[in-house]
């Protein structure tokens, strides 16, 4: 039996870890290039996919290969870009 003020559901706790990567200049450039390509891919998806598509899977179904070829991203980055656009609600 619950009493006033008690909670009987499970609570998820999320922890965030902030780290600073120590990379060489070549790796730094690769990371920067990847971030730029990811941002460009998100913008391209947002501008070129039917705005009625709001589910990441439906967005991915119509643009995955185009985005992968156009921006040279890995499969994981393309999937995450589709998810980012879907989550943005635009």
PDB file of N, CA and C in Angstrom:
ATOM      1  N   UNK A   1       0.830  -1.178   0.000  1.00  0.00           N
ATOM      2  CA  UNK A   1       0.000   0.000   0.000  1.00  0.00           C
ATOM      3  C   UNK A   1       0.878   1.245   0.000  1.00  0.00           C
ATOM      4  N   UNK A   2       0.544   2.171  -0.875  1.00  0.00           N
ATOM      5  CA  UNK A   2       1.312   3.410  -0.963  1.00  0.00           C
ATOM      6  C   UNK A   2       0.756   4.461  -0.022  1.00  0.00           C
ATOM      7  N   UNK A   3       1.639   5.228   0.518  1.00  0.00           N
ATOM      8  CA  UNK A   3       1.253   6.355   1.359  1.00  0.00           C
ATOM      9  C   UNK A   3       1.579   7.640   0.618  1.00  0.00           C
ATOM     10  N   UNK A   4       0.976   8.694   1.010  1.00  0.00           N
ATOM     11  CA  UNK A   4       1.194   9.989   0.369  1.00  0.00           C
ATOM     12  C   UNK A   4       2.689  10.293   0.286  1.00  0.00           C
ATOM     13  N   UNK A   5       3.127  10.659  -0.914  1.00  0.00           N
ATOM     14  CA  UNK A   5       4.529  11.023  -1.108  1.00  0.00           C
ATOM     15  C   UNK A   5       5.428   9.867  -1.490  1.00  0.00           C
ATOM     16  N   UNK A   6       4.938   8.637  -1.496  1.00  0.00           N
ATOM     17  CA  UNK A   6       5.760   7.492  -1.871  1.00  0.00           C
ATOM     18  C   UNK A   6       5.677   7.258  -3.371  1.00  0.00           C
ATOM     19  N   UNK A   7       6.701   6.669  -3.905  1.00  0.00           N
ATOM     20  CA  UNK A   7       6.792   6.408  -5.335  1.00  0.00           C
ATOM     21  C   UNK A   7       7.118   4.943  -5.525  1.00  0.00           C
ATOM     22  N   UNK A   8       6.365   4.274  -6.372  1.00  0.00           N
ATOM     23  CA  UNK A   8       6.587   2.836  -6.533  1.00  0.00           C
ATOM     24  C   UNK A   8       7.147   2.462  -7.900  1.00  0.00           C
ATOM     25  N   UNK A   9       7.547   3.434  -8.709  1.00  0.00           N
ATOM     26  CA  UNK A   9       8.083   3.126 -10.034  1.00  0.00           C
ATOM     27  C   UNK A   9       9.595   3.054 -10.011  1.00  0.00           C
ATOM     28  N   UNK A  10      10.153   2.517 -11.062  1.00  0.00           N
ATOM     29  CA  UNK A  10      11.608   2.487 -11.149  1.00  0.00           C
ATOM     30  C   UNK A  10      12.097   3.838 -11.664  1.00  0.00           C
ATOM     31  N   UNK A  11      13.254   4.217 -11.223  1.00  0.00           N
ATOM     32  CA  UNK A  11      13.834   5.494 -11.614  1.00  0.00           C
ATOM     33  C   UNK A  11      15.145   5.206 -12.320  1.00  0.00           C
ATOM     34  N   UNK A  12      15.303   5.778 -13.503  1.00  0.00           N
ATOM     35  CA  UNK A  12      16.556   5.629 -14.225  1.00  0.00           C
ATOM     36  C   UNK A  12      17.449   6.808 -13.893  1.00  0.00           C
ATOM     37  N   UNK A  13      18.703   6.530 -13.682  1.00  0.00           N
ATOM     38  CA  UNK A  13      19.660   7.583 -13.405  1.00  0.00           C
ATOM     39  C   UNK A  13      20.669   7.610 -14.541  1.00  0.00           C
ATOM     40  N   UNK A  14      20.911   8.793 -15.072  1.00  0.00           N
ATOM     41  CA  UNK A  14      21.875   8.956 -16.140  1.00  0.00           C
ATOM     42  C   UNK A  14      23.051   9.764 -15.619  1.00  0.00           C
ATOM     43  N   UNK A  15      24.222   9.285 -15.868  1.00  0.00           N
ATOM     44  CA  UNK A  15      25.427   9.998 -15.486  1.00  0.00           C
ATOM     45  C   UNK A  15      26.120  10.481 -16.746  1.00  0.00           C
ATOM     46  N   UNK A  16      26.704  11.643 -16.667  1.00  0.00           N
ATOM     47  CA  UNK A  16      27.426  12.196 -17.802  1.00  0.00           C
ATOM     48  C   UNK A  16      28.894  12.318 -17.429  1.00  0.00           C
ATOM     49  N   UNK A  17      29.734  11.885 -18.308  1.00  0.00           N
ATOM     50  CA  UNK A  17      31.167  11.974 -18.105  1.00  0.00           C
ATOM     51  C   UNK A  17      31.725  12.929 -19.145  1.00  0.00           C
ATOM     52  N   UNK A  18      32.442  13.924 -18.691  1.00  0.00           N
ATOM     53  CA  UNK A  18      33.051  14.886 -19.599  1.00  0.00           C
ATOM     54  C   UNK A  18      34.539  14.583 -19.639  1.00  0.00           C
ATOM     55  N   UNK A  19      35.035  14.370 -20.836  1.00  0.00           N
ATOM     56  CA  UNK A  19      36.456  14.077 -20.995  1.00  0.00           C
ATOM     57  C   UNK A  19      37.040  14.976 -22.077  1.00  0.00           C
ATOM     58  N   UNK A  20      38.316  15.162 -22.013  1.00  0.00           N
ATOM     59  CA  UNK A  20      39.000  15.916 -23.057  1.00  0.00           C
ATOM     60  C   UNK A  20      39.930  14.946 -23.775  1.00  0.00           C
ATOM     61  N   UNK A  21      39.697  14.791 -25.068  1.00  0.00           N
ATOM     62  CA  UNK A  21      40.541  13.902 -25.855  1.00  0.00           C
ATOM     63  C   UNK A  21      41.888  14.564 -26.105  1.00  0.00           C
ATOM     64  N   UNK A  22      42.924  13.795 -25.957  1.00  0.00           N
ATOM     65  CA  UNK A  22      44.254  14.286 -26.283  1.00  0.00           C
ATOM     66  C   UNK A  22      44.690  13.553 -27.546  1.00  0.00           C
ATOM     67  N   UNK A  23      44.568  14.245 -28.660  1.00  0.00           N
ATOM     68  CA  UNK A  23      44.877  13.629 -29.949  1.00  0.00           C
ATOM     69  C   UNK A  23      45.903  14.479 -30.681  1.00  0.00           C
ATOM     70  N   UNK A  24      46.570  13.840 -31.607  1.00  0.00           N
ATOM     71  CA  UNK A  24      47.520  14.555 -32.436  1.00  0.00           C
ATOM     72  C   UNK A  24      46.802  15.414 -33.467  1.00  0.00           C
ATOM     73  N   UNK A  25      47.558  16.233 -34.163  1.00  0.00           N
ATOM     74  CA  UNK A  25      46.952  17.163 -35.126  1.00  0.00           C
ATOM     75  C   UNK A  25      46.251  16.433 -36.269  1.00  0.00           C
ATOM     76  N   UNK A  26      46.799  15.302 -36.698  1.00  0.00           N
ATOM     77  CA  UNK A  26      46.159  14.543 -37.777  1.00  0.00           C
ATOM     78  C   UNK A  26      44.817  13.971 -37.312  1.00  0.00           C
ATOM     79  N   UNK A  27      44.800  13.407 -36.111  1.00  0.00           N
ATOM     80  CA  UNK A  27      43.555  12.865 -35.563  1.00  0.00           C
ATOM     81  C   UNK A  27      42.550  13.978 -35.297  1.00  0.00           C
ATOM     82  N   UNK A  28      43.049  15.126 -34.842  1.00  0.00           N
ATOM     83  CA  UNK A  28      42.170  16.265 -34.601  1.00  0.00           C
ATOM     84  C   UNK A  28      41.491  16.689 -35.896  1.00  0.00           C
ATOM     85  N   UNK A  29      42.243  16.703 -36.985  1.00  0.00           N
ATOM     86  CA  UNK A  29      41.675  17.083 -38.277  1.00  0.00           C
ATOM     87  C   UNK A  29      40.637  16.064 -38.740  1.00  0.00           C
ATOM     88  N   UNK A  30      40.915  14.779 -38.538  1.00  0.00           N
ATOM     89  CA  UNK A  30      39.955  13.737 -38.910  1.00  0.00           C
ATOM     90  C   UNK A  30      38.662  13.867 -38.109  1.00  0.00           C
ATOM     91  N   UNK A  31      38.781  14.142 -36.815  1.00  0.00           N
ATOM     92  CA  UNK A  31      37.586  14.341 -35.984  1.00  0.00           C
ATOM     93  C   UNK A  31      36.798  15.564 -36.441  1.00  0.00           C
ATOM     94  N   UNK A  32      37.506  16.629 -36.750  1.00  0.00           N
ATOM     95  CA  UNK A  32      36.850  17.851 -37.223  1.00  0.00           C
ATOM     96  C   UNK A  32      36.136  17.604 -38.551  1.00  0.00           C
ATOM     97  N   UNK A  33      36.802  16.897 -39.450  1.00  0.00           N
ATOM     98  CA  UNK A  33      36.197  16.580 -40.750  1.00  0.00           C
ATOM     99  C   UNK A  33      34.950  15.709 -40.580  1.00  0.00           C
ATOM    100  N   UNK A  34      35.022  14.745 -39.669  1.00  0.00           N
ATOM    101  CA  UNK A  34      33.873  13.875 -39.419  1.00  0.00           C
ATOM    102  C   UNK A  34      32.707  14.669 -38.844  1.00  0.00           C
ATOM    103  N   UNK A  35      33.001  15.559 -37.897  1.00  0.00           N
ATOM    104  CA  UNK A  35      31.935  16.392 -37.311  1.00  0.00           C
ATOM    105  C   UNK A  35      31.300  17.287 -38.369  1.00  0.00           C
ATOM    106  N   UNK A  36      32.113  17.848 -39.249  1.00  0.00           N
ATOM    107  CA  UNK A  36      31.585  18.706 -40.319  1.00  0.00           C
ATOM    108  C   UNK A  36      30.728  17.908 -41.289  1.00  0.00           C
ATOM    109  N   UNK A  37      31.198  16.712 -41.653  1.00  0.00           N
ATOM    110  CA  UNK A  37      30.429  15.865 -42.569  1.00  0.00           C
ATOM    111  C   UNK A  37      29.111  15.443 -41.925  1.00  0.00           C
ATOM    112  N   UNK A  38      29.137  15.139 -40.633  1.00  0.00           N
ATOM    113  CA  UNK A  38      27.920  14.751 -39.920  1.00  0.00           C
ATOM    114  C   UNK A  38      26.920  15.904 -39.911  1.00  0.00           C
ATOM    115  N   UNK A  39      27.393  17.106 -39.603  1.00  0.00           N
ATOM    116  CA  UNK A  39      26.506  18.278 -39.585  1.00  0.00           C
ATOM    117  C   UNK A  39      25.940  18.548 -40.972  1.00  0.00           C
ATOM    118  N   UNK A  40      26.778  18.439 -41.990  1.00  0.00           N
ATOM    119  CA  UNK A  40      26.309  18.645 -43.366  1.00  0.00           C
ATOM    120  C   UNK A  40      25.279  17.595 -43.759  1.00  0.00           C
ATOM    121  N   UNK A  41      25.512  16.361 -43.338  1.00  0.00           N
ATOM    122  CA  UNK A  41      24.557  15.286 -43.636  1.00  0.00           C
ATOM    123  C   UNK A  41      23.214  15.559 -42.964  1.00  0.00           C
ATOM    124  N   UNK A  42      23.245  15.998 -41.717  1.00  0.00           N
ATOM    125  CA  UNK A  42      21.992  16.323 -41.013  1.00  0.00           C
ATOM    126  C   UNK A  42      21.239  17.423 -41.750  1.00  0.00           C
ATOM    127  N   UNK A  43      21.956  18.460 -42.163  1.00  0.00           N
ATOM    128  CA  UNK A  43      21.316  19.555 -42.901  1.00  0.00           C
ATOM    129  C   UNK A  43      20.738  19.064 -44.220  1.00  0.00           C
ATOM    130  N   UNK A  44      21.493  18.234 -44.930  1.00  0.00           N
ATOM    131  CA  UNK A  44      21.030  17.717 -46.217  1.00  0.00           C
ATOM    132  C   UNK A  44      19.772  16.872 -46.029  1.00  0.00           C
ATOM    133  N   UNK A  45      19.790  15.992 -45.040  1.00  0.00           N
ATOM    134  CA  UNK A  45      18.618  15.151 -44.772  1.00  0.00           C
ATOM    135  C   UNK A  45      17.416  16.029 -44.470  1.00  0.00           C
ATOM    136  N   UNK A  46      17.614  17.010 -43.614  1.00  0.00           N
ATOM    137  CA  UNK A  46      16.522  17.900 -43.215  1.00  0.00           C
ATOM    138  C   UNK A  46      15.937  18.646 -44.412  1.00  0.00           C
ATOM    139  N   UNK A  47      16.790  19.033 -45.357  1.00  0.00           N
ATOM    140  CA  UNK A  47      16.342  19.800 -46.520  1.00  0.00           C
ATOM    141  C   UNK A  47      15.760  18.932 -47.635  1.00  0.00           C
ATOM    142  N   UNK A  48      16.125  17.656 -47.685  1.00  0.00           N
ATOM    143  CA  UNK A  48      15.764  16.824 -48.832  1.00  0.00           C
ATOM    144  C   UNK A  48      14.762  15.709 -48.558  1.00  0.00           C
ATOM    145  N   UNK A  49      14.492  15.420 -47.319  1.00  0.00           N
ATOM    146  CA  UNK A  49      13.541  14.358 -46.988  1.00  0.00           C
ATOM    147  C   UNK A  49      12.175  14.986 -46.740  1.00  0.00           C
ATOM    148  N   UNK A  50      11.146  14.307 -47.194  1.00  0.00           N
ATOM    149  CA  UNK A  50       9.776  14.775 -46.995  1.00  0.00           C
ATOM    150  C   UNK A  50       9.549  15.090 -45.512  1.00  0.00           C
ATOM    151  N   UNK A  51       9.129  16.313 -45.192  1.00  0.00           N
ATOM    152  CA  UNK A  51       8.945  16.687 -43.782  1.00  0.00           C
ATOM    153  C   UNK A  51       7.865  15.878 -43.061  1.00  0.00           C
ATOM    154  N   UNK A  52       7.043  15.172 -43.808  1.00  0.00           N
ATOM    155  CA  UNK A  52       6.035  14.312 -43.170  1.00  0.00           C
ATOM    156  C   UNK A  52       6.667  13.064 -42.555  1.00  0.00           C
ATOM    157  N   UNK A  53       7.888  12.746 -42.981  1.00  0.00           N
ATOM    158  CA  UNK A  53       8.591  11.601 -42.404  1.00  0.00           C
ATOM    159  C   UNK A  53       9.238  12.050 -41.099  1.00  0.00           C
ATOM    160  N   UNK A  54       8.774  11.512 -39.999  1.00  0.00           N
ATOM    161  CA  UNK A  54       9.297  11.919 -38.700  1.00  0.00           C
ATOM    162  C   UNK A  54       9.913  10.764 -37.923  1.00  0.00           C
ATOM    163  N   UNK A  55       9.832   9.572 -38.458  1.00  0.00           N
ATOM    164  CA  UNK A  55      10.385   8.389 -37.817  1.00  0.00           C
ATOM    165  C   UNK A  55      11.779   8.141 -38.377  1.00  0.00           C
ATOM    166  N   UNK A  56      12.750   7.886 -37.507  1.00  0.00           N
ATOM    167  CA  UNK A  56      14.131   7.724 -37.981  1.00  0.00           C
ATOM    168  C   UNK A  56      14.271   6.576 -38.969  1.00  0.00           C
ATOM    169  N   UNK A  57      13.477   5.521 -38.789  1.00  0.00           N
ATOM    170  CA  UNK A  57      13.558   4.387 -39.710  1.00  0.00           C
ATOM    171  C   UNK A  57      13.019   4.739 -41.088  1.00  0.00           C
ATOM    172  N   UNK A  58      11.950   5.516 -41.137  1.00  0.00           N
ATOM    173  CA  UNK A  58      11.405   5.905 -42.443  1.00  0.00           C
ATOM    174  C   UNK A  58      12.335   6.894 -43.137  1.00  0.00           C
ATOM    175  N   UNK A  59      12.949   7.783 -42.378  1.00  0.00           N
ATOM    176  CA  UNK A  59      13.924   8.713 -42.959  1.00  0.00           C
ATOM    177  C   UNK A  59      15.114   7.929 -43.497  1.00  0.00           C
ATOM    178  N   UNK A  60      15.603   7.001 -42.697  1.00  0.00           N
ATOM    179  CA  UNK A  60      16.742   6.181 -43.101  1.00  0.00           C
ATOM    180  C   UNK A  60      16.439   5.385 -44.364  1.00  0.00           C
ATOM    181  N   UNK A  61      15.222   4.879 -44.476  1.00  0.00           N
ATOM    182  CA  UNK A  61      14.845   4.059 -45.629  1.00  0.00           C
ATOM    183  C   UNK A  61      14.929   4.827 -46.939  1.00  0.00           C
ATOM    184  N   UNK A  62      14.660   6.122 -46.902  1.00  0.00           N
ATOM    185  CA  UNK A  62      14.638   6.882 -48.159  1.00  0.00           C
ATOM    186  C   UNK A  62      15.953   7.584 -48.488  1.00  0.00           C
ATOM    187  N   UNK A  63      16.882   7.694 -47.519  1.00  0.00           N
ATOM    188  CA  UNK A  63      18.080   8.482 -47.842  1.00  0.00           C
ATOM    189  C   UNK A  63      19.405   7.849 -47.438  1.00  0.00           C
ATOM    190  N   UNK A  64      19.387   6.695 -46.809  1.00  0.00           N
ATOM    191  CA  UNK A  64      20.606   6.095 -46.261  1.00  0.00           C
ATOM    192  C   UNK A  64      21.761   6.060 -47.264  1.00  0.00           C
ATOM    193  N   UNK A  65      21.559   5.409 -48.388  1.00  0.00           N
ATOM    194  CA  UNK A  65      22.665   5.230 -49.331  1.00  0.00           C
ATOM    195  C   UNK A  65      23.123   6.552 -49.928  1.00  0.00           C
ATOM    196  N   UNK A  66      22.177   7.450 -50.230  1.00  0.00           N
ATOM    197  CA  UNK A  66      22.548   8.769 -50.749  1.00  0.00           C
ATOM    198  C   UNK A  66      23.443   9.512 -49.765  1.00  0.00           C
ATOM    199  N   UNK A  67      23.065   9.502 -48.503  1.00  0.00           N
ATOM    200  CA  UNK A  67      23.847  10.209 -47.481  1.00  0.00           C
ATOM    201  C   UNK A  67      25.217   9.561 -47.315  1.00  0.00           C
ATOM    202  N   UNK A  68      25.246   8.245 -47.289  1.00  0.00           N
ATOM    203  CA  UNK A  68      26.514   7.522 -47.128  1.00  0.00           C
ATOM    204  C   UNK A  68      27.469   7.841 -48.278  1.00  0.00           C
ATOM    205  N   UNK A  69      26.954   7.825 -49.493  1.00  0.00           N
ATOM    206  CA  UNK A  69      27.781   8.108 -50.667  1.00  0.00           C
ATOM    207  C   UNK A  69      28.193   9.577 -50.744  1.00  0.00           C
ATOM    208  N   UNK A  70      27.257  10.464 -50.475  1.00  0.00           N
ATOM    209  CA  UNK A  70      27.493  11.900 -50.625  1.00  0.00           C
ATOM    210  C   UNK A  70      28.479  12.443 -49.592  1.00  0.00           C
ATOM    211  N   UNK A  71      28.392  11.963 -48.352  1.00  0.00           N
ATOM    212  CA  UNK A  71      29.186  12.544 -47.271  1.00  0.00           C
ATOM    213  C   UNK A  71      30.309  11.640 -46.764  1.00  0.00           C
ATOM    214  N   UNK A  72      30.380  10.411 -47.274  1.00  0.00           N
ATOM    215  CA  UNK A  72      31.467   9.508 -46.899  1.00  0.00           C
ATOM    216  C   UNK A  72      31.458   9.100 -45.436  1.00  0.00           C
ATOM    217  N   UNK A  73      30.282   9.070 -44.840  1.00  0.00           N
ATOM    218  CA  UNK A  73      30.171   8.704 -43.433  1.00  0.00           C
ATOM    219  C   UNK A  73      30.067   7.194 -43.265  1.00  0.00           C
ATOM    220  N   UNK A  74      30.406   6.729 -42.078  1.00  0.00           N
ATOM    221  CA  UNK A  74      30.227   5.313 -41.769  1.00  0.00           C
ATOM    222  C   UNK A  74      28.735   5.029 -41.600  1.00  0.00           C
ATOM    223  N   UNK A  75      28.387   3.763 -41.611  1.00  0.00           N
ATOM    224  CA  UNK A  75      26.984   3.371 -41.449  1.00  0.00           C
ATOM    225  C   UNK A  75      26.407   3.923 -40.147  1.00  0.00           C
ATOM    226  N   UNK A  76      27.171   3.817 -39.068  1.00  0.00           N
ATOM    227  CA  UNK A  76      26.681   4.299 -37.778  1.00  0.00           C
ATOM    228  C   UNK A  76      26.404   5.801 -37.810  1.00  0.00           C
ATOM    229  N   UNK A  77      27.287   6.563 -38.435  1.00  0.00           N
ATOM    230  CA  UNK A  77      27.076   8.011 -38.507  1.00  0.00           C
ATOM    231  C   UNK A  77      25.841   8.360 -39.339  1.00  0.00           C
ATOM    232  N   UNK A  78      25.608   7.630 -40.403  1.00  0.00           N
ATOM    233  CA  UNK A  78      24.416   7.890 -41.228  1.00  0.00           C
ATOM    234  C   UNK A  78      23.150   7.598 -40.424  1.00  0.00           C
ATOM    235  N   UNK A  79      23.139   6.477 -39.734  1.00  0.00           N
ATOM    236  CA  UNK A  79      21.978   6.115 -38.918  1.00  0.00           C
ATOM    237  C   UNK A  79      21.747   7.168 -37.836  1.00  0.00           C
ATOM    238  N   UNK A  80      22.817   7.631 -37.186  1.00  0.00           N
ATOM    239  CA  UNK A  80      22.685   8.649 -36.140  1.00  0.00           C
ATOM    240  C   UNK A  80      22.227   9.985 -36.719  1.00  0.00           C
ATOM    241  N   UNK A  81      22.667  10.324 -37.930  1.00  0.00           N
ATOM    242  CA  UNK A  81      22.210  11.568 -38.565  1.00  0.00           C
ATOM    243  C   UNK A  81      20.711  11.496 -38.839  1.00  0.00           C
ATOM    244  N   UNK A  82      20.244  10.360 -39.308  1.00  0.00           N
ATOM    245  CA  UNK A  82      18.799  10.184 -39.534  1.00  0.00           C
ATOM    246  C   UNK A  82      18.038  10.311 -38.222  1.00  0.00           C
ATOM    247  N   UNK A  83      18.569   9.727 -37.179  1.00  0.00           N
ATOM    248  CA  UNK A  83      17.945   9.828 -35.868  1.00  0.00           C
ATOM    249  C   UNK A  83      17.947  11.244 -35.332  1.00  0.00           C
ATOM    250  N   UNK A  84      19.023  11.964 -35.570  1.00  0.00           N
ATOM    251  CA  UNK A  84      19.114  13.354 -35.105  1.00  0.00           C
ATOM    252  C   UNK A  84      18.061  14.210 -35.785  1.00  0.00           C
ATOM    253  N   UNK A  85      17.904  14.034 -37.098  1.00  0.00           N
ATOM    254  CA  UNK A  85      16.899  14.810 -37.832  1.00  0.00           C
ATOM    255  C   UNK A  85      15.494  14.437 -37.357  1.00  0.00           C
ATOM    256  N   UNK A  86      15.253  13.156 -37.163  1.00  0.00           N
ATOM    257  CA  UNK A  86      13.929  12.719 -36.694  1.00  0.00           C
ATOM    258  C   UNK A  86      13.619  13.310 -35.322  1.00  0.00           C
ATOM    259  N   UNK A  87      14.608  13.350 -34.454  1.00  0.00           N
ATOM    260  CA  UNK A  87      14.400  13.858 -33.097  1.00  0.00           C
ATOM    261  C   UNK A  87      14.235  15.371 -33.058  1.00  0.00           C
ATOM    262  N   UNK A  88      14.738  16.052 -34.088  1.00  0.00           N
ATOM    263  CA  UNK A  88      14.672  17.517 -34.089  1.00  0.00           C
ATOM    264  C   UNK A  88      13.259  18.026 -34.337  1.00  0.00           C
ATOM    265  N   UNK A  89      12.433  17.208 -34.978  1.00  0.00           N
ATOM    266  CA  UNK A  89      11.052  17.602 -35.220  1.00  0.00           C
ATOM    267  C   UNK A  89      10.868  18.582 -36.363  1.00  0.00           C
ATOM    268  N   UNK A  90      11.890  18.783 -37.166  1.00  0.00           N
ATOM    269  CA  UNK A  90      11.766  19.723 -38.291  1.00  0.00           C
ATOM    270  C   UNK A  90      11.378  19.002 -39.526  1.00  0.00           C
TER     271      UNK A  90
END
